[in-house]
Amino acid sequence: MQERVTPSPVAPRADAALADIAQGPALLAAVAPPTHAFFLDVDGTLLDLAPHPDAVEVPAALPAALQALSVRAGGALALVSGRTVDRLDRLFAPLRLPVAGSHGAEIRAAPHGAVERAAPLDRDLVAALAQIARAHGGLFTEDKGPAFAIHYRARPELQRPLAAALAQLLAGREALALLPGHFVFEIKPAGRDKGSAIRALLAQPPFAGRIPVFIGDDVTDEAGFAAATQAGGLALAVGVPRAGAQAVLPGPAAVRDFLSRLAAEPQQHRR
């Protein structure tokens, strides 16, 4: 059971009217970089999805927009992703930001700080997971150290048998959790998720005392939505409504536009 987080008494709570906002000027006016903290999923949120994780493209203007928004927010902007911290650094290089990777199993609270990682998965378990993937065929795997991902985008018909095989393998392993995502299953430490990562970051500068804004597109982001709203903040889904999200942005292009507008000087918002 997750601990309910009480918003910091020095942080103003998000206006309840945000629940009625879909997108556009009202949403832009409701979020202020000097008072908010930004937590951003990557694949399907900042970036358009691709057939393979290595095939995603970072729009040329995005790193500069993220950097500008981070500056306006006093550094309170973090990537919160299923990707590892190392992969995120390579993807957005030379930009470095605070990061929560591998669904909260890795956290780096400062751009050039140390990475706090959960213990790596048992190697016998990793071998068994890889064997399951090979037995089903056509799957892509990622060994992330403290987590392991099996992508089945190329074989969507394998969702149920793959889920059954993984559940059987993990039976009795209470320290681990099986997290379903968009054509992917993640095996990760129990109690580590995007919500726990957001709470950990909100407990320290420069995020502490700010109103959290979390944007995500997948069922794996629902823990992040809950953490943001429990802390008095705003949860935005991408593409389709998600449990715990208060509003929906139509796609990654709309997310990038929203963030770029926030990164601009206030007088530019009205143009």
C-alpha atoms as a PDB file:
ATOM      1  CA  MET A   1       0.000   0.000   0.000  1.00  0.00           C
ATOM      2  CA  GLN A   2       1.404   3.359  -0.997  1.00  0.00           C
ATOM      3  CA  GLU A   3       1.715   6.065   1.617  1.00  0.00           C
ATOM      4  CA  ARG A   4      -0.512   9.036   0.952  1.00  0.00           C
ATOM      5  CA  VAL A   5       1.568  12.179   0.544  1.00  0.00           C
ATOM      6  CA  THR A   6       0.417  15.398   2.193  1.00  0.00           C
ATOM      7  CA  PRO A   7       1.238  18.511   0.124  1.00  0.00           C
ATOM      8  CA  SER A   8       3.905  20.768   1.563  1.00  0.00           C
ATOM      9  CA  PRO A   9       2.296  23.625   3.535  1.00  0.00           C
ATOM     10  CA  VAL A  10       4.447  26.156   1.658  1.00  0.00           C
ATOM     11  CA  ALA A  11       3.269  24.982  -1.759  1.00  0.00           C
ATOM     12  CA  PRO A  12       0.032  26.418  -3.192  1.00  0.00           C
ATOM     13  CA  ARG A  13      -2.415  23.750  -4.278  1.00  0.00           C
ATOM     14  CA  ALA A  14      -3.502  23.435  -7.888  1.00  0.00           C
ATOM     15  CA  ASP A  15      -6.851  25.058  -8.665  1.00  0.00           C
ATOM     16  CA  ALA A  16      -9.704  22.513  -8.629  1.00  0.00           C
ATOM     17  CA  ALA A  17     -10.929  23.999 -11.907  1.00  0.00           C
ATOM     18  CA  LEU A  18      -8.030  22.268 -13.643  1.00  0.00           C
ATOM     19  CA  ALA A  19     -10.177  19.148 -13.802  1.00  0.00           C
ATOM     20  CA  ASP A  20     -12.249  20.902 -16.478  1.00  0.00           C
ATOM     21  CA  ILE A  21      -9.297  21.925 -18.643  1.00  0.00           C
ATOM     22  CA  ALA A  22      -8.686  19.960 -21.821  1.00  0.00           C
ATOM     23  CA  GLN A  23      -5.842  22.002 -23.323  1.00  0.00           C
ATOM     24  CA  GLY A  24      -4.989  25.411 -24.717  1.00  0.00           C
ATOM     25  CA  PRO A  25      -4.734  28.891 -23.168  1.00  0.00           C
ATOM     26  CA  ALA A  26      -6.516  27.988 -19.914  1.00  0.00           C
ATOM     27  CA  LEU A  27      -4.049  25.204 -19.212  1.00  0.00           C
ATOM     28  CA  LEU A  28      -1.120  27.410 -20.135  1.00  0.00           C
ATOM     29  CA  ALA A  29      -2.345  30.125 -17.769  1.00  0.00           C
ATOM     30  CA  ALA A  30      -2.799  27.617 -14.934  1.00  0.00           C
ATOM     31  CA  VAL A  31       0.857  26.519 -14.863  1.00  0.00           C
ATOM     32  CA  ALA A  32       3.681  28.853 -13.846  1.00  0.00           C
ATOM     33  CA  PRO A  33       7.331  27.732 -14.064  1.00  0.00           C
ATOM     34  CA  PRO A  34       8.366  29.795 -10.999  1.00  0.00           C
ATOM     35  CA  THR A  35       5.951  27.845  -8.757  1.00  0.00           C
ATOM     36  CA  HIS A  36       5.640  24.438 -10.474  1.00  0.00           C
ATOM     37  CA  ALA A  37       7.852  21.376 -10.816  1.00  0.00           C
ATOM     38  CA  PHE A  38       7.763  19.392 -14.063  1.00  0.00           C
ATOM     39  CA  PHE A  39       7.974  15.605 -14.316  1.00  0.00           C
ATOM     40  CA  LEU A  40       7.919  14.320 -17.881  1.00  0.00           C
ATOM     41  CA  ASP A  41       7.570  10.851 -19.325  1.00  0.00           C
ATOM     42  CA  VAL A  42       9.555  10.387 -22.550  1.00  0.00           C
ATOM     43  CA  ASP A  43       8.289   7.734 -25.002  1.00  0.00           C
ATOM     44  CA  GLY A  44       4.794   8.573 -26.187  1.00  0.00           C
ATOM     45  CA  THR A  45       4.847  11.852 -24.255  1.00  0.00           C
ATOM     46  CA  LEU A  46       7.846  13.971 -25.251  1.00  0.00           C
ATOM     47  CA  LEU A  47       8.702  11.727 -28.199  1.00  0.00           C
ATOM     48  CA  ASP A  48       6.543   9.996 -30.773  1.00  0.00           C
ATOM     49  CA  LEU A  49       6.523   6.224 -30.389  1.00  0.00           C
ATOM     50  CA  ALA A  50       8.610   4.139 -32.785  1.00  0.00           C
ATOM     51  CA  PRO A  51       8.624   0.421 -33.674  1.00  0.00           C
ATOM     52  CA  HIS A  52      11.826  -0.012 -31.622  1.00  0.00           C
ATOM     53  CA  PRO A  53      13.078   2.067 -28.660  1.00  0.00           C
ATOM     54  CA  ASP A  54      16.292   2.841 -30.534  1.00  0.00           C
ATOM     55  CA  ALA A  55      14.319   4.242 -33.487  1.00  0.00           C
ATOM     56  CA  VAL A  56      12.770   7.222 -31.675  1.00  0.00           C
ATOM     57  CA  GLU A  57      13.722  10.685 -32.865  1.00  0.00           C
ATOM     58  CA  VAL A  58      14.310  13.730 -30.676  1.00  0.00           C
ATOM     59  CA  PRO A  59      13.000  16.841 -32.477  1.00  0.00           C
ATOM     60  CA  ALA A  60      15.794  19.349 -32.967  1.00  0.00           C
ATOM     61  CA  ALA A  61      14.109  22.073 -30.919  1.00  0.00           C
ATOM     62  CA  LEU A  62      13.145  19.888 -27.953  1.00  0.00           C
ATOM     63  CA  PRO A  63      16.384  19.869 -25.889  1.00  0.00           C
ATOM     64  CA  ALA A  64      16.612  23.665 -26.029  1.00  0.00           C
ATOM     65  CA  ALA A  65      12.968  23.989 -24.970  1.00  0.00           C
ATOM     66  CA  LEU A  66      13.496  21.628 -22.042  1.00  0.00           C
ATOM     67  CA  GLN A  67      16.607  23.515 -20.995  1.00  0.00           C
ATOM     68  CA  ALA A  68      14.789  26.852 -21.185  1.00  0.00           C
ATOM     69  CA  LEU A  69      11.846  25.548 -19.161  1.00  0.00           C
ATOM     70  CA  SER A  70      14.219  24.058 -16.600  1.00  0.00           C
ATOM     71  CA  VAL A  71      15.880  27.453 -16.194  1.00  0.00           C
ATOM     72  CA  ARG A  72      12.518  29.206 -15.772  1.00  0.00           C
ATOM     73  CA  ALA A  73      11.539  26.549 -13.200  1.00  0.00           C
ATOM     74  CA  GLY A  74      14.738  26.954 -11.205  1.00  0.00           C
ATOM     75  CA  GLY A  75      15.943  23.501 -12.237  1.00  0.00           C
ATOM     76  CA  ALA A  76      12.728  21.758 -11.153  1.00  0.00           C
ATOM     77  CA  LEU A  77      12.281  19.678 -14.309  1.00  0.00           C
ATOM     78  CA  ALA A  78      12.939  15.938 -14.451  1.00  0.00           C
ATOM     79  CA  LEU A  79      12.514  13.124 -16.930  1.00  0.00           C
ATOM     80  CA  VAL A  80      10.546  10.202 -15.437  1.00  0.00           C
ATOM     81  CA  SER A  81      10.838   7.243 -17.769  1.00  0.00           C
ATOM     82  CA  GLY A  82      11.019   3.506 -18.182  1.00  0.00           C
ATOM     83  CA  ARG A  83      14.344   4.002 -19.964  1.00  0.00           C
ATOM     84  CA  THR A  84      17.547   3.806 -17.980  1.00  0.00           C
ATOM     85  CA  VAL A  85      19.317   6.969 -16.876  1.00  0.00           C
ATOM     86  CA  ASP A  86      22.232   6.169 -19.193  1.00  0.00           C
ATOM     87  CA  ARG A  87      19.956   5.780 -22.218  1.00  0.00           C
ATOM     88  CA  LEU A  88      18.150   9.024 -21.421  1.00  0.00           C
ATOM     89  CA  ASP A  89      21.447  10.902 -21.167  1.00  0.00           C
ATOM     90  CA  ARG A  90      22.521   9.546 -24.558  1.00  0.00           C
ATOM     91  CA  LEU A  91      19.147  10.296 -26.113  1.00  0.00           C
ATOM     92  CA  PHE A  92      19.114  13.972 -25.082  1.00  0.00           C
ATOM     93  CA  ALA A  93      22.883  14.649 -25.104  1.00  0.00           C
ATOM     94  CA  PRO A  94      24.424  17.070 -24.416  1.00  0.00           C
ATOM     95  CA  LEU A  95      21.449  18.092 -22.234  1.00  0.00           C
ATOM     96  CA  ARG A  96      21.488  16.553 -18.757  1.00  0.00           C
ATOM     97  CA  LEU A  97      18.553  16.810 -16.386  1.00  0.00           C
ATOM     98  CA  PRO A  98      17.396  15.277 -13.126  1.00  0.00           C
ATOM     99  CA  VAL A  99      16.135  11.827 -14.067  1.00  0.00           C
ATOM    100  CA  ALA A 100      14.118   8.917 -12.713  1.00  0.00           C
ATOM    101  CA  GLY A 101      14.811   5.885 -14.896  1.00  0.00           C
ATOM    102  CA  SER A 102      13.657   2.273 -15.093  1.00  0.00           C
ATOM    103  CA  HIS A 103      10.258   3.141 -13.592  1.00  0.00           C
ATOM    104  CA  GLY A 104      11.755   4.572 -10.420  1.00  0.00           C
ATOM    105  CA  ALA A 105      14.468   1.932  -9.937  1.00  0.00           C
ATOM    106  CA  GLU A 106      17.056   4.616 -10.744  1.00  0.00           C
ATOM    107  CA  ILE A 107      17.015   8.250  -9.565  1.00  0.00           C
ATOM    108  CA  ARG A 108      19.437  11.101 -10.186  1.00  0.00           C
ATOM    109  CA  ALA A 109      18.193  14.196  -8.407  1.00  0.00           C
ATOM    110  CA  ALA A 110      20.730  16.604  -9.938  1.00  0.00           C
ATOM    111  CA  PRO A 111      21.963  16.788 -13.554  1.00  0.00           C
ATOM    112  CA  HIS A 112      25.516  15.785 -12.637  1.00  0.00           C
ATOM    113  CA  GLY A 113      24.809  14.019  -9.373  1.00  0.00           C
ATOM    114  CA  ALA A 114      25.143  10.369  -8.443  1.00  0.00           C
ATOM    115  CA  VAL A 115      22.543   7.829  -9.552  1.00  0.00           C
ATOM    116  CA  GLU A 116      20.762   5.941  -6.773  1.00  0.00           C
ATOM    117  CA  ARG A 117      19.895   2.476  -8.081  1.00  0.00           C
ATOM    118  CA  ALA A 118      17.973  -0.473  -6.724  1.00  0.00           C
ATOM    119  CA  ALA A 119      19.914  -3.726  -6.552  1.00  0.00           C
ATOM    120  CA  PRO A 120      20.288  -5.529  -9.889  1.00  0.00           C
ATOM    121  CA  LEU A 121      18.005  -8.434 -10.633  1.00  0.00           C
ATOM    122  CA  ASP A 122      19.258 -11.921  -9.859  1.00  0.00           C
ATOM    123  CA  ARG A 123      21.205 -13.184 -12.883  1.00  0.00           C
ATOM    124  CA  ASP A 124      19.446 -16.555 -12.862  1.00  0.00           C
ATOM    125  CA  LEU A 125      16.139 -14.709 -13.091  1.00  0.00           C
ATOM    126  CA  VAL A 126      17.442 -12.557 -15.941  1.00  0.00           C
ATOM    127  CA  ALA A 127      18.502 -15.708 -17.797  1.00  0.00           C
ATOM    128  CA  ALA A 128      15.041 -17.205 -17.281  1.00  0.00           C
ATOM    129  CA  LEU A 129      13.364 -14.043 -18.542  1.00  0.00           C
ATOM    130  CA  ALA A 130      15.573 -14.011 -21.639  1.00  0.00           C
ATOM    131  CA  GLN A 131      14.715 -17.665 -22.232  1.00  0.00           C
ATOM    132  CA  ILE A 132      10.981 -16.883 -22.115  1.00  0.00           C
ATOM    133  CA  ALA A 133      11.498 -14.155 -24.698  1.00  0.00           C
ATOM    134  CA  ARG A 134      13.481 -16.478 -26.979  1.00  0.00           C
ATOM    135  CA  ALA A 135      10.892 -19.236 -26.650  1.00  0.00           C
ATOM    136  CA  HIS A 136       8.122 -16.940 -27.858  1.00  0.00           C
ATOM    137  CA  GLY A 137      10.173 -15.460 -30.700  1.00  0.00           C
ATOM    138  CA  GLY A 138      10.146 -12.010 -32.288  1.00  0.00           C
ATOM    139  CA  LEU A 139      10.541 -10.145 -28.997  1.00  0.00           C
ATOM    140  CA  PHE A 140      13.006  -7.445 -27.970  1.00  0.00           C
ATOM    141  CA  THR A 141      14.457  -7.434 -24.460  1.00  0.00           C
ATOM    142  CA  GLU A 142      16.246  -4.842 -22.325  1.00  0.00           C
ATOM    143  CA  ASP A 143      18.373  -5.773 -19.346  1.00  0.00           C
ATOM    144  CA  LYS A 144      18.348  -2.584 -17.274  1.00  0.00           C
ATOM    145  CA  GLY A 145      20.137  -3.946 -14.216  1.00  0.00           C
ATOM    146  CA  PRO A 146      17.472  -3.395 -11.546  1.00  0.00           C
ATOM    147  CA  ALA A 147      14.714  -4.058 -14.108  1.00  0.00           C
ATOM    148  CA  PHE A 148      14.100  -6.123 -17.240  1.00  0.00           C
ATOM    149  CA  ALA A 149      11.788  -5.307 -20.149  1.00  0.00           C
ATOM    150  CA  ILE A 150      10.272  -7.579 -22.789  1.00  0.00           C
ATOM    151  CA  HIS A 151       8.794  -5.697 -25.760  1.00  0.00           C
ATOM    152  CA  TYR A 152       6.209  -7.483 -27.899  1.00  0.00           C
ATOM    153  CA  ARG A 153       5.206  -4.708 -30.305  1.00  0.00           C
ATOM    154  CA  ALA A 154       6.148  -6.938 -33.260  1.00  0.00           C
ATOM    155  CA  ARG A 155       4.053  -9.813 -31.850  1.00  0.00           C
ATOM    156  CA  PRO A 156       0.993  -8.268 -30.150  1.00  0.00           C
ATOM    157  CA  GLU A 157      -0.822 -11.608 -30.246  1.00  0.00           C
ATOM    158  CA  LEU A 158       1.636 -12.860 -27.610  1.00  0.00           C
ATOM    159  CA  GLN A 159       0.350 -10.549 -24.880  1.00  0.00           C
ATOM    160  CA  ARG A 160      -1.656 -13.156 -22.957  1.00  0.00           C
ATOM    161  CA  PRO A 161       0.707 -16.138 -23.202  1.00  0.00           C
ATOM    162  CA  LEU A 162       3.662 -13.930 -22.379  1.00  0.00           C
ATOM    163  CA  ALA A 163       1.856 -12.441 -19.378  1.00  0.00           C
ATOM    164  CA  ALA A 164       0.990 -15.939 -18.156  1.00  0.00           C
ATOM    165  CA  ALA A 165       4.569 -17.190 -18.512  1.00  0.00           C
ATOM    166  CA  LEU A 166       5.981 -14.178 -16.679  1.00  0.00           C
ATOM    167  CA  ALA A 167       3.410 -14.397 -13.886  1.00  0.00           C
ATOM    168  CA  GLN A 168       4.282 -18.057 -13.365  1.00  0.00           C
ATOM    169  CA  LEU A 169       8.012 -17.292 -13.244  1.00  0.00           C
ATOM    170  CA  LEU A 170       7.532 -14.470 -10.740  1.00  0.00           C
ATOM    171  CA  ALA A 171       5.106 -16.351  -8.475  1.00  0.00           C
ATOM    172  CA  GLY A 172       6.304 -16.097  -4.892  1.00  0.00           C
ATOM    173  CA  ARG A 173       8.859 -13.368  -5.644  1.00  0.00           C
ATOM    174  CA  GLU A 174       7.213 -10.680  -3.532  1.00  0.00           C
ATOM    175  CA  ALA A 175      10.140  -8.298  -3.915  1.00  0.00           C
ATOM    176  CA  LEU A 176       9.413  -7.980  -7.626  1.00  0.00           C
ATOM    177  CA  ALA A 177       6.491  -6.614  -9.637  1.00  0.00           C
ATOM    178  CA  LEU A 178       5.290  -7.276 -13.171  1.00  0.00           C
ATOM    179  CA  LEU A 179       4.324  -3.983 -14.799  1.00  0.00           C
ATOM    180  CA  PRO A 180       2.383  -4.108 -18.088  1.00  0.00           C
ATOM    181  CA  GLY A 181       2.874  -1.211 -20.486  1.00  0.00           C
ATOM    182  CA  HIS A 182       2.331  -0.293 -24.113  1.00  0.00           C
ATOM    183  CA  PHE A 183       3.396  -3.543 -25.847  1.00  0.00           C
ATOM    184  CA  VAL A 184       5.895  -4.190 -23.061  1.00  0.00           C
ATOM    185  CA  PHE A 185       6.187  -6.044 -19.765  1.00  0.00           C
ATOM    186  CA  GLU A 186       8.581  -4.677 -17.157  1.00  0.00           C
ATOM    187  CA  ILE A 187       9.945  -6.770 -14.305  1.00  0.00           C
ATOM    188  CA  LYS A 188      11.083  -4.384 -11.587  1.00  0.00           C
ATOM    189  CA  PRO A 189      11.428  -3.979  -7.818  1.00  0.00           C
ATOM    190  CA  ALA A 190       8.087  -3.856  -6.023  1.00  0.00           C
ATOM    191  CA  GLY A 191       7.412  -0.433  -4.518  1.00  0.00           C
ATOM    192  CA  ARG A 192       9.455   1.353  -7.154  1.00  0.00           C
ATOM    193  CA  ASP A 193       7.428   3.168  -9.795  1.00  0.00           C
ATOM    194  CA  LYS A 194       7.033   6.602 -11.313  1.00  0.00           C
ATOM    195  CA  GLY A 195       4.953   7.692  -8.345  1.00  0.00           C
ATOM    196  CA  SER A 196       7.629   6.760  -5.818  1.00  0.00           C
ATOM    197  CA  ALA A 197      10.197   8.558  -7.975  1.00  0.00           C
ATOM    198  CA  ILE A 198       8.136  11.755  -8.076  1.00  0.00           C
ATOM    199  CA  ARG A 199       7.629  11.658  -4.309  1.00  0.00           C
ATOM    200  CA  ALA A 200      11.373  11.170  -3.769  1.00  0.00           C
ATOM    201  CA  LEU A 201      12.222  14.136  -5.987  1.00  0.00           C
ATOM    202  CA  LEU A 202       9.551  16.343  -4.399  1.00  0.00           C
ATOM    203  CA  ALA A 203      11.221  15.798  -1.039  1.00  0.00           C
ATOM    204  CA  GLN A 204      14.388  17.643  -2.049  1.00  0.00           C
ATOM    205  CA  PRO A 205      15.491  20.858  -3.760  1.00  0.00           C
ATOM    206  CA  PRO A 206      14.814  22.256  -6.267  1.00  0.00           C
ATOM    207  CA  PHE A 207      11.486  20.376  -6.406  1.00  0.00           C
ATOM    208  CA  ALA A 208      10.432  20.718  -2.776  1.00  0.00           C
ATOM    209  CA  GLY A 209       7.647  23.209  -2.072  1.00  0.00           C
ATOM    210  CA  ARG A 210       6.489  23.356  -5.695  1.00  0.00           C
ATOM    211  CA  ILE A 211       3.270  22.230  -7.388  1.00  0.00           C
ATOM    212  CA  PRO A 212       4.030  19.061  -9.374  1.00  0.00           C
ATOM    213  CA  VAL A 213       2.983  18.659 -12.998  1.00  0.00           C
ATOM    214  CA  PHE A 214       3.315  15.137 -14.393  1.00  0.00           C
ATOM    215  CA  ILE A 215       2.674  14.288 -18.047  1.00  0.00           C
ATOM    216  CA  GLY A 216       2.499  10.675 -19.259  1.00  0.00           C
ATOM    217  CA  ASP A 217       0.785   8.514 -21.839  1.00  0.00           C
ATOM    218  CA  ASP A 218       0.711   4.929 -20.578  1.00  0.00           C
ATOM    219  CA  VAL A 219      -0.766   2.742 -17.862  1.00  0.00           C
ATOM    220  CA  THR A 220       2.766   2.714 -16.407  1.00  0.00           C
ATOM    221  CA  ASP A 221       2.299   6.448 -15.737  1.00  0.00           C
ATOM    222  CA  GLU A 222      -0.777   6.060 -13.543  1.00  0.00           C
ATOM    223  CA  ALA A 223       1.327   5.863 -10.367  1.00  0.00           C
ATOM    224  CA  GLY A 224       2.850   9.190 -11.402  1.00  0.00           C
ATOM    225  CA  PHE A 225      -0.576  10.727 -11.939  1.00  0.00           C
ATOM    226  CA  ALA A 226      -1.574   9.644  -8.440  1.00  0.00           C
ATOM    227  CA  ALA A 227       1.593  11.045  -6.868  1.00  0.00           C
ATOM    228  CA  ALA A 228       1.176  14.417  -8.599  1.00  0.00           C
ATOM    229  CA  THR A 229      -2.474  14.852  -7.638  1.00  0.00           C
ATOM    230  CA  GLN A 230      -1.943  13.627  -4.068  1.00  0.00           C
ATOM    231  CA  ALA A 231       0.692  16.356  -3.718  1.00  0.00           C
ATOM    232  CA  GLY A 232      -1.800  18.988  -4.877  1.00  0.00           C
ATOM    233  CA  GLY A 233      -0.576  19.063  -8.456  1.00  0.00           C
ATOM    234  CA  LEU A 234      -1.661  18.415 -11.997  1.00  0.00           C
ATOM    235  CA  ALA A 235      -1.691  15.138 -13.946  1.00  0.00           C
ATOM    236  CA  LEU A 236      -1.959  15.274 -17.738  1.00  0.00           C
ATOM    237  CA  ALA A 237      -2.472  12.216 -19.928  1.00  0.00           C
ATOM    238  CA  VAL A 238      -1.407  12.062 -23.564  1.00  0.00           C
ATOM    239  CA  GLY A 239      -3.542  10.620 -26.346  1.00  0.00           C
ATOM    240  CA  VAL A 240      -6.308   9.018 -24.287  1.00  0.00           C
ATOM    241  CA  PRO A 241      -7.737   9.493 -20.771  1.00  0.00           C
ATOM    242  CA  ARG A 242      -5.908   7.603 -18.040  1.00  0.00           C
ATOM    243  CA  ALA A 243      -6.876   6.771 -14.481  1.00  0.00           C
ATOM    244  CA  GLY A 244      -5.872   9.655 -12.223  1.00  0.00           C
ATOM    245  CA  ALA A 245      -5.241  12.177 -15.005  1.00  0.00           C
ATOM    246  CA  GLN A 246      -7.214  15.410 -14.907  1.00  0.00           C
ATOM    247  CA  ALA A 247      -6.892  16.379 -18.560  1.00  0.00           C
ATOM    248  CA  VAL A 248      -5.676  15.021 -21.881  1.00  0.00           C
ATOM    249  CA  LEU A 249      -3.271  16.444 -24.433  1.00  0.00           C
ATOM    250  CA  PRO A 250      -3.829  14.967 -27.910  1.00  0.00           C
ATOM    251  CA  GLY A 251      -0.277  13.759 -28.582  1.00  0.00           C
ATOM    252  CA  PRO A 252       3.463  14.343 -28.181  1.00  0.00           C
ATOM    253  CA  ALA A 253       3.402  17.288 -30.595  1.00  0.00           C
ATOM    254  CA  ALA A 254       0.880  19.022 -28.327  1.00  0.00           C
ATOM    255  CA  VAL A 255       3.050  18.255 -25.282  1.00  0.00           C
ATOM    256  CA  ARG A 256       6.095  19.757 -26.971  1.00  0.00           C
ATOM    257  CA  ASP A 257       4.117  22.843 -27.967  1.00  0.00           C
ATOM    258  CA  PHE A 258       2.784  23.252 -24.412  1.00  0.00           C
ATOM    259  CA  LEU A 259       6.271  22.990 -22.915  1.00  0.00           C
ATOM    260  CA  SER A 260       7.768  25.332 -25.509  1.00  0.00           C
ATOM    261  CA  ARG A 261       5.155  27.956 -24.682  1.00  0.00           C
ATOM    262  CA  LEU A 262       5.856  27.578 -20.971  1.00  0.00           C
ATOM    263  CA  ALA A 263       9.566  27.943 -21.674  1.00  0.00           C
ATOM    264  CA  ALA A 264       8.987  31.251 -23.463  1.00  0.00           C
ATOM    265  CA  GLU A 265       8.877  34.558 -21.659  1.00  0.00           C
ATOM    266  CA  PRO A 266       5.391  35.390 -20.269  1.00  0.00           C
ATOM    267  CA  GLN A 267       4.674  38.099 -22.833  1.00  0.00           C
ATOM    268  CA  GLN A 268       5.176  35.569 -25.622  1.00  0.00           C
ATOM    269  CA  HIS A 269       2.370  33.346 -24.274  1.00  0.00           C
ATOM    270  CA  ARG A 270      -0.219  35.810 -25.514  1.00  0.00           C
ATOM    271  CA  ARG A 271       0.935  35.855 -29.122  1.00  0.00           C
END
